[in-house]
Protein backbone atom coordinates (compact mmCIF):
# COMPACT_ATOMS: atom_id res chain seq x y z
CA MET A 1 -119.34 24.72 -22.46
CA GLN A 2 -121.59 26.83 -20.22
CA ASN A 3 -122.09 24.00 -17.75
CA GLU A 4 -118.32 23.41 -17.81
CA ILE A 5 -117.73 27.07 -16.85
CA PHE A 6 -120.26 26.73 -14.02
CA GLN A 7 -118.41 23.65 -12.73
CA ILE A 8 -114.95 25.20 -12.98
CA ASP A 9 -116.22 28.30 -11.15
CA GLN A 10 -117.81 26.26 -8.43
CA SER A 11 -114.69 24.16 -8.02
CA TYR A 12 -112.09 26.92 -7.92
CA VAL A 13 -113.68 30.30 -7.04
CA ALA A 14 -114.32 31.04 -3.34
CA ASN A 15 -117.90 30.40 -2.26
CA THR A 16 -118.77 34.03 -1.61
CA TYR A 17 -121.30 34.62 -4.37
CA LYS A 18 -124.64 32.98 -5.07
CA ARG A 19 -124.57 33.30 -8.84
CA PHE A 20 -127.51 33.06 -11.17
CA PRO A 21 -127.23 30.28 -13.74
CA ILE A 22 -126.27 32.59 -16.57
CA GLU A 23 -122.91 33.16 -18.17
CA ILE A 24 -122.74 36.61 -19.72
CA VAL A 25 -120.43 36.55 -22.74
CA SER A 26 -121.05 39.87 -24.57
CA GLY A 27 -123.07 43.00 -24.72
CA ASN A 28 -123.70 46.34 -26.33
CA GLY A 29 -124.99 49.31 -24.40
CA SER A 30 -127.93 48.18 -22.22
CA LEU A 31 -128.24 44.78 -23.92
CA VAL A 32 -126.19 41.74 -22.83
CA TYR A 33 -126.11 38.17 -24.10
CA ASP A 34 -125.58 34.86 -22.42
CA ALA A 35 -123.61 31.82 -23.69
CA GLU A 36 -126.73 30.51 -25.42
CA GLY A 37 -127.35 33.74 -27.23
CA LYS A 38 -130.29 34.92 -25.18
CA GLU A 39 -130.68 38.73 -24.99
CA TYR A 40 -131.28 40.55 -21.71
CA ILE A 41 -131.95 44.26 -20.93
CA ASP A 42 -129.35 45.07 -18.21
CA MET A 43 -130.95 46.99 -15.40
CA GLY A 44 -128.05 46.46 -13.01
CA THR A 45 -124.92 47.58 -14.85
CA GLY A 46 -122.56 45.49 -12.70
CA ILE A 47 -124.07 47.19 -9.59
CA ALA A 48 -123.90 50.74 -10.85
CA VAL A 49 -120.49 50.35 -12.52
CA ASN A 50 -121.03 50.37 -16.30
CA SER A 51 -122.21 53.99 -16.43
CA PHE A 52 -122.65 54.07 -20.14
CA GLY A 53 -123.44 50.40 -20.59
CA VAL A 54 -121.43 47.49 -21.92
CA SER A 55 -118.78 47.97 -24.65
CA ASP A 56 -119.18 51.72 -24.57
CA PRO A 57 -117.12 52.85 -27.60
CA VAL A 58 -115.93 56.17 -26.15
CA TRP A 59 -114.74 54.50 -22.97
CA GLN A 60 -113.14 51.67 -24.98
CA ASP A 61 -111.22 54.13 -27.14
CA ALA A 62 -109.91 56.02 -24.09
CA VAL A 63 -108.82 52.76 -22.41
CA LYS A 64 -107.23 51.32 -25.51
CA GLU A 65 -105.34 54.49 -26.30
CA GLN A 66 -103.85 54.60 -22.82
CA LEU A 67 -103.07 50.84 -22.92
CA SER A 68 -100.99 51.51 -26.02
CA ARG A 69 -98.90 54.00 -24.08
CA VAL A 70 -98.39 52.57 -20.59
CA GLN A 71 -100.68 50.37 -18.51
CA HIS A 72 -99.24 51.18 -15.09
CA MET A 73 -96.61 53.21 -13.32
CA SER A 74 -96.10 53.56 -9.63
CA ASN A 75 -97.02 56.73 -7.77
CA LEU A 76 -93.33 57.67 -7.76
CA TYR A 77 -93.99 59.22 -11.14
CA TYR A 78 -96.51 61.58 -12.76
CA THR A 79 -99.09 60.31 -15.31
CA ALA A 80 -101.40 62.55 -17.24
CA PRO A 81 -104.72 60.65 -16.82
CA CYS A 82 -104.37 60.73 -13.01
CA ALA A 83 -103.67 64.47 -12.94
CA LYS A 84 -106.43 65.26 -15.50
CA LEU A 85 -109.04 63.25 -13.67
CA ALA A 86 -108.23 64.89 -10.32
CA LYS A 87 -108.49 68.33 -11.91
CA MET A 88 -111.84 67.52 -13.48
CA LEU A 89 -113.28 66.19 -10.19
CA CYS A 90 -112.12 69.23 -8.24
CA GLU A 91 -113.39 71.68 -10.81
CA ARG A 92 -116.75 69.97 -10.95
CA THR A 93 -117.23 69.84 -7.19
CA GLY A 94 -115.18 72.65 -5.63
CA MET A 95 -113.07 70.12 -3.74
CA LYS A 96 -109.32 70.81 -3.47
CA LYS A 97 -107.49 67.47 -3.55
CA VAL A 98 -108.13 63.88 -4.64
CA PHE A 99 -106.68 60.57 -3.43
CA PHE A 100 -107.18 57.64 -5.81
CA SER A 101 -107.72 54.11 -4.64
CA ASN A 102 -109.08 50.90 -6.23
CA SER A 103 -112.52 50.59 -4.71
CA GLY A 104 -115.22 52.18 -2.63
CA ALA A 105 -114.23 50.41 0.54
CA GLU A 106 -110.66 51.68 0.17
CA ALA A 107 -111.95 55.21 -0.50
CA ASN A 108 -113.97 55.02 2.69
CA GLU A 109 -110.94 53.66 4.62
CA CYS A 110 -108.97 56.68 3.43
CA ALA A 111 -111.74 59.11 4.47
CA ILE A 112 -111.77 57.55 7.93
CA LYS A 113 -107.99 57.98 8.18
CA ILE A 114 -108.35 61.63 7.12
CA ALA A 115 -111.03 62.24 9.71
CA ARG A 116 -109.01 60.69 12.55
CA LYS A 117 -105.79 62.53 11.65
CA TYR A 118 -107.62 65.82 11.22
CA ALA A 119 -109.39 65.42 14.55
CA ALA A 120 -106.23 64.45 16.39
CA GLU A 121 -104.47 67.54 15.06
CA THR A 122 -107.33 69.97 15.67
CA LYS A 123 -109.11 68.57 18.74
CA GLY A 124 -106.93 65.91 20.34
CA ALA A 125 -106.15 62.20 19.97
CA ASP A 126 -109.19 61.22 21.97
CA HIS A 127 -111.55 62.59 19.25
CA TYR A 128 -111.54 59.54 16.95
CA THR A 129 -115.17 58.27 16.93
CA ILE A 130 -116.95 58.23 13.57
CA ILE A 131 -120.77 58.46 13.59
CA THR A 132 -122.63 56.64 10.86
CA LEU A 133 -126.26 55.67 10.29
CA GLU A 134 -128.14 52.54 11.09
CA ASN A 135 -128.95 50.60 7.87
CA SER A 136 -125.83 52.08 6.16
CA PHE A 137 -123.26 50.20 4.10
CA HIS A 138 -119.70 51.45 3.71
CA GLY A 139 -117.69 48.38 2.63
CA ARG A 140 -116.40 44.91 3.54
CA THR A 141 -112.98 45.55 5.12
CA LEU A 142 -112.91 45.22 8.86
CA THR A 143 -112.95 49.00 9.35
CA THR A 144 -115.66 49.74 6.80
CA LEU A 145 -117.67 46.84 8.20
CA ALA A 146 -117.42 48.59 11.61
CA ALA A 147 -118.62 51.75 9.94
CA THR A 148 -121.57 49.85 8.37
CA GLY A 149 -124.67 50.20 10.54
CA GLN A 150 -126.04 46.68 9.91
CA ALA A 151 -125.37 44.13 12.70
CA HIS A 152 -125.61 41.04 10.49
CA TYR A 153 -122.51 42.14 8.60
CA HIS A 154 -120.59 42.29 11.90
CA GLU A 155 -121.45 38.86 13.36
CA LEU A 156 -118.78 36.62 11.76
CA PHE A 157 -115.85 39.00 11.93
CA GLN A 158 -115.40 40.16 15.53
CA PRO A 159 -113.58 42.04 16.84
CA LEU A 160 -114.08 44.90 14.35
CA THR A 161 -112.19 48.15 14.37
CA PRO A 162 -113.34 50.19 17.39
CA GLY A 163 -114.47 53.79 17.28
CA PHE A 164 -117.77 53.65 15.37
CA VAL A 165 -121.27 54.41 16.63
CA HIS A 166 -124.51 54.36 14.72
CA THR A 167 -127.66 56.49 14.90
CA LYS A 168 -131.09 56.30 13.32
CA ALA A 169 -131.46 57.85 9.87
CA ASN A 170 -133.75 60.92 9.64
CA ASP A 171 -133.80 61.49 13.42
CA LEU A 172 -131.78 64.64 13.97
CA ASP A 173 -132.52 64.74 17.70
CA ALA A 174 -131.09 61.26 18.12
CA PHE A 175 -128.00 62.22 16.13
CA VAL A 176 -127.38 65.33 18.20
CA LYS A 177 -127.88 63.43 21.49
CA LEU A 178 -125.36 60.72 20.36
CA ALA A 179 -122.84 63.29 19.07
CA ASP A 180 -123.03 65.28 22.29
CA SER A 181 -122.20 62.10 24.27
CA GLN A 182 -119.12 61.26 22.17
CA LYS A 183 -115.92 62.92 21.06
CA PRO A 184 -116.54 62.53 17.39
CA ALA A 185 -114.04 63.07 14.61
CA ALA A 186 -116.61 62.98 11.83
CA VAL A 187 -120.02 61.84 10.60
CA MET A 188 -120.25 59.73 7.47
CA ILE A 189 -123.56 59.21 5.58
CA GLU A 190 -124.94 57.94 2.28
CA MET A 191 -127.53 60.27 0.72
CA VAL A 192 -129.38 57.19 -0.49
CA GLN A 193 -128.94 54.05 1.59
CA GLY A 194 -128.33 51.71 -1.32
CA GLU A 195 -127.61 48.27 0.18
CA GLY A 196 -129.94 49.27 2.98
CA GLY A 197 -132.98 49.27 0.68
CA VAL A 198 -132.55 52.29 -1.67
CA ILE A 199 -133.85 54.80 0.88
CA PRO A 200 -133.06 58.52 0.42
CA LEU A 201 -132.31 60.67 3.47
CA GLU A 202 -134.59 63.61 4.28
CA GLU A 203 -133.17 67.03 3.36
CA SER A 204 -133.77 68.57 6.78
CA PHE A 205 -131.82 65.72 8.45
CA VAL A 206 -128.88 66.08 6.07
CA LYS A 207 -128.71 69.83 6.52
CA GLY A 208 -128.96 69.43 10.28
CA ILE A 209 -126.05 67.01 10.32
CA ALA A 210 -123.95 69.26 8.12
CA ALA A 211 -124.65 72.28 10.36
CA TYR A 212 -123.84 70.32 13.56
CA ALA A 213 -120.57 69.02 12.06
CA GLU A 214 -119.53 72.55 11.03
CA ALA A 215 -120.40 74.03 14.42
CA HIS A 216 -118.47 71.31 16.32
CA GLY A 217 -115.34 70.99 14.22
CA MET A 218 -116.25 67.55 12.83
CA LEU A 219 -115.63 66.50 9.31
CA PHE A 220 -118.79 65.86 7.24
CA ILE A 221 -118.13 62.84 5.00
CA VAL A 222 -120.47 61.73 2.20
CA ASP A 223 -120.19 58.23 0.82
CA GLU A 224 -121.06 58.50 -2.88
CA VAL A 225 -119.70 55.07 -3.89
CA GLN A 226 -123.08 54.06 -5.40
CA THR A 227 -124.89 57.37 -5.61
CA GLY A 228 -122.14 59.27 -7.43
CA ASN A 229 -121.13 60.01 -10.97
CA GLY A 230 -124.52 61.00 -12.34
CA ARG A 231 -126.56 58.19 -10.79
CA SER A 232 -128.79 60.55 -8.69
CA GLY A 233 -129.53 63.12 -11.44
CA GLN A 234 -126.69 65.32 -10.21
CA LEU A 235 -122.97 64.64 -10.59
CA TYR A 236 -122.99 63.74 -6.89
CA ALA A 237 -126.08 63.09 -4.78
CA TYR A 238 -125.18 65.64 -2.11
CA MET A 239 -125.75 68.31 -4.72
CA ASN A 240 -129.50 67.52 -4.46
CA TYR A 241 -129.34 68.64 -0.80
CA SER A 242 -127.58 72.01 -1.03
CA VAL A 243 -124.81 70.99 1.37
CA THR A 244 -121.06 71.02 1.04
CA PRO A 245 -119.20 67.99 2.43
CA ASP A 246 -115.64 68.12 3.71
CA VAL A 247 -114.87 64.73 2.17
CA VAL A 248 -116.58 62.77 -0.58
CA THR A 249 -115.84 59.16 -1.46
CA THR A 250 -116.80 57.57 -4.73
CA ALA A 251 -116.05 54.53 -6.92
CA LYS A 252 -118.27 52.14 -8.96
CA GLY A 253 -119.56 54.20 -11.94
CA LEU A 254 -116.48 56.51 -11.90
CA GLY A 255 -114.39 53.98 -13.83
CA GLY A 256 -117.07 52.86 -16.25
CA GLY A 257 -116.05 49.24 -15.80
CA LEU A 258 -112.49 49.35 -14.44
CA PRO A 259 -111.67 49.43 -10.71
CA ILE A 260 -111.08 52.86 -9.29
CA GLY A 261 -112.03 54.73 -6.10
CA ALA A 262 -111.56 58.40 -5.28
CA VAL A 263 -111.54 60.54 -2.15
CA LEU A 264 -112.39 64.18 -2.79
CA ILE A 265 -111.07 66.39 -0.02
CA GLY A 266 -112.39 69.84 0.67
CA GLU A 267 -110.57 72.93 1.80
CA LYS A 268 -110.79 72.24 5.54
CA ALA A 269 -108.86 68.92 5.30
CA GLN A 270 -106.98 69.27 2.06
CA ASN A 271 -103.57 69.18 3.72
CA THR A 272 -104.30 66.58 6.38
CA LEU A 273 -102.57 63.75 4.51
CA GLY A 274 -98.89 64.38 4.03
CA PHE A 275 -96.00 62.48 2.48
CA GLY A 276 -96.13 58.83 3.44
CA ASP A 277 -99.43 59.06 5.39
CA HIS A 278 -101.32 56.95 2.85
CA GLY A 279 -100.68 55.18 -0.41
CA SER A 280 -101.90 52.67 -2.99
CA THR A 281 -99.97 50.62 -5.53
CA PHE A 282 -102.73 50.75 -8.14
CA GLY A 283 -104.40 53.98 -7.07
CA GLY A 284 -104.40 56.50 -9.95
CA ASN A 285 -103.65 53.72 -12.46
CA PRO A 286 -103.42 55.51 -15.85
CA VAL A 287 -105.74 53.10 -17.67
CA SER A 288 -108.45 53.30 -15.01
CA CYS A 289 -108.08 57.07 -14.85
CA ALA A 290 -108.29 57.40 -18.66
CA GLY A 291 -111.50 55.44 -18.58
CA ALA A 292 -112.82 57.63 -15.76
CA VAL A 293 -111.98 60.84 -17.62
CA SER A 294 -114.10 59.60 -20.54
CA ILE A 295 -117.00 59.04 -18.07
CA ILE A 296 -116.85 62.31 -16.17
CA GLU A 297 -116.44 64.53 -19.21
CA ARG A 298 -119.74 63.11 -20.65
CA ILE A 299 -121.81 63.61 -17.47
CA ASP A 300 -123.09 67.00 -18.52
CA GLU A 301 -126.34 68.85 -17.90
CA VAL A 302 -128.08 67.21 -20.89
CA LEU A 303 -127.28 63.74 -19.60
CA LEU A 304 -128.25 64.60 -16.02
CA ALA A 305 -131.57 65.96 -17.24
CA SER A 306 -132.24 62.74 -19.12
CA VAL A 307 -131.46 60.76 -15.93
CA VAL A 308 -134.14 62.79 -14.11
CA GLU A 309 -136.60 62.29 -16.95
CA LYS A 310 -136.08 58.55 -16.96
CA SER A 311 -136.32 58.43 -13.18
CA ASN A 312 -139.68 60.24 -13.32
CA TYR A 313 -140.87 57.79 -15.96
CA ILE A 314 -140.00 54.80 -13.79
CA PHE A 315 -141.67 56.24 -10.68
CA ASN A 316 -144.82 57.22 -12.61
CA ALA A 317 -145.05 53.84 -14.32
CA LEU A 318 -144.58 51.78 -11.19
CA GLN A 319 -146.20 53.67 -8.34
CA GLY A 320 -149.64 52.23 -7.68
CA ALA A 321 -149.25 49.37 -10.16
CA ASP A 322 -150.67 45.99 -9.27
CA GLY A 323 -148.28 43.99 -7.06
CA ILE A 324 -146.10 47.02 -6.26
CA GLU A 325 -146.33 48.39 -2.76
CA ALA A 326 -143.84 51.23 -2.91
CA VAL A 327 -141.08 52.78 -5.02
CA SER A 328 -138.11 54.62 -3.50
CA GLY A 329 -134.81 56.05 -4.56
CA MET A 330 -133.32 58.92 -6.52
CA GLY A 331 -132.40 59.28 -10.15
CA LEU A 332 -131.57 55.90 -11.74
CA MET A 333 -131.08 54.27 -8.35
CA ILE A 334 -134.48 52.80 -7.54
CA GLY A 335 -135.92 50.28 -5.10
CA ILE A 336 -139.25 48.53 -5.70
CA LYS A 337 -141.18 46.89 -2.84
CA THR A 338 -143.28 44.16 -4.36
CA THR A 339 -146.04 42.00 -2.89
CA LYS A 340 -144.24 38.93 -4.21
CA PRO A 341 -140.76 38.16 -2.80
CA ALA A 342 -138.16 40.18 -4.62
CA ALA A 343 -136.27 36.99 -5.53
CA GLU A 344 -139.37 35.63 -7.33
CA VAL A 345 -139.77 38.87 -9.27
CA LEU A 346 -136.12 38.71 -10.28
CA ARG A 347 -136.50 35.13 -11.47
CA ILE A 348 -139.53 35.98 -13.63
CA CYS A 349 -137.79 39.05 -15.06
CA MET A 350 -134.74 37.02 -15.91
CA GLU A 351 -136.84 34.42 -17.75
CA ASN A 352 -138.33 37.28 -19.72
CA GLY A 353 -135.07 38.96 -20.66
CA VAL A 354 -134.52 41.60 -17.98
CA LEU A 355 -131.75 41.48 -15.39
CA CYS A 356 -132.46 43.29 -12.08
CA LEU A 357 -130.90 43.35 -8.61
CA THR A 358 -132.14 43.21 -5.02
CA ALA A 359 -131.56 45.38 -2.01
CA LYS A 360 -132.87 43.81 1.18
CA ASP A 361 -136.51 42.93 0.37
CA LYS A 362 -136.71 45.16 -2.70
CA VAL A 363 -136.08 44.79 -6.39
CA ARG A 364 -133.29 47.27 -7.24
CA LEU A 365 -132.76 49.05 -10.57
CA LEU A 366 -129.39 50.62 -11.54
CA PRO A 367 -129.59 50.97 -15.35
CA ALA A 368 -127.00 52.69 -17.50
CA LEU A 369 -127.27 56.46 -17.38
CA ASN A 370 -127.84 56.54 -21.12
CA ILE A 371 -130.25 53.60 -21.45
CA PRO A 372 -132.48 54.25 -24.45
CA MET A 373 -136.07 55.10 -23.43
CA GLU A 374 -137.41 52.30 -25.64
CA LEU A 375 -135.37 49.64 -23.77
CA LEU A 376 -136.27 51.20 -20.44
CA GLN A 377 -139.96 51.06 -21.32
CA ARG A 378 -139.63 47.44 -22.36
CA ALA A 379 -137.85 46.56 -19.09
CA ILE A 380 -140.41 48.33 -16.91
CA ALA A 381 -143.23 46.48 -18.69
CA VAL A 382 -141.55 43.19 -17.87
CA ILE A 383 -141.07 44.20 -14.21
CA LYS A 384 -144.68 45.28 -13.88
CA ALA A 385 -145.89 42.00 -15.32
CA ALA A 386 -143.57 40.01 -13.05
CA ALA A 387 -144.85 41.79 -9.93
CA VAL A 388 -148.50 40.81 -10.52
């Protein structure tokens, strides 16, 4: 049956994914099982989506309860989960308004629209350029590809949306020089460049960007699609830098397994979008929002402290180990540079019951926020052995 599923998939699903030869059929927490019954420790969580692991009972109950009421209504009507989630996000961050979408790319598209409308209204229609960083990743739509500072993502899809320029990460002088030469509407950054190799930004650089944006009437946008919702050891990664963005985008782990994106809008731009300026058929879907409420309400100080503790364990266990050249990242978002090719390390880990990811030339770890320490220790032991 497994080979039949492989064949059906290869025959009928678009050829956009290079899948591993595993069919995952079930799971519980940080353990998942393939069609042959083999057990794996999941260190990827669907690329930072399953915040509390697979088949999380609290999340399941919230989703099932909402499914028994109404699975979807258009945004012509009010639904309680949408309103409750927006209130929770604003209260936890100090932001003023939330727009819900279906994905991180859509959230970033909305943030870009906000920036351009805000700049047109406050500075003039010629202030539309968005500054992003080299090595960044902001999505796969034409506009978010243009925002992404990696040329190889651009090559096949020209012409991209104009109005984006890129500057080197952690070089404040270069950023200021570029910004001074443009008429920028906003700057958009990831606090940890995830798809770019799990590389955190330096605090002085982030604070310098935030100060420049404030002084020059630009919006300061932080892309928390992968870093957000507890992943960094804070609710949102920007909180580790003592800065206050004007707009925050997030998705992935927010829904705990269902698609949802969110744009958190601060005081400066809270009224930029008016009636009819933006919309989404499925944005604010009550089932997705109910699941997200069950995620956000459990990301408390105790959980965040445990994320930091587990992060410290991983760094201490891996740094300086045989076959491991460097470890980078923040919280439970970690990149491992190995002497062996990352793909080879992944293959060995998979054979030994651990599922990891890659980011450029690194092994990438994105385990569940609540992964038990015993499972984490087992997984790290497998990764260390695979790297030798």
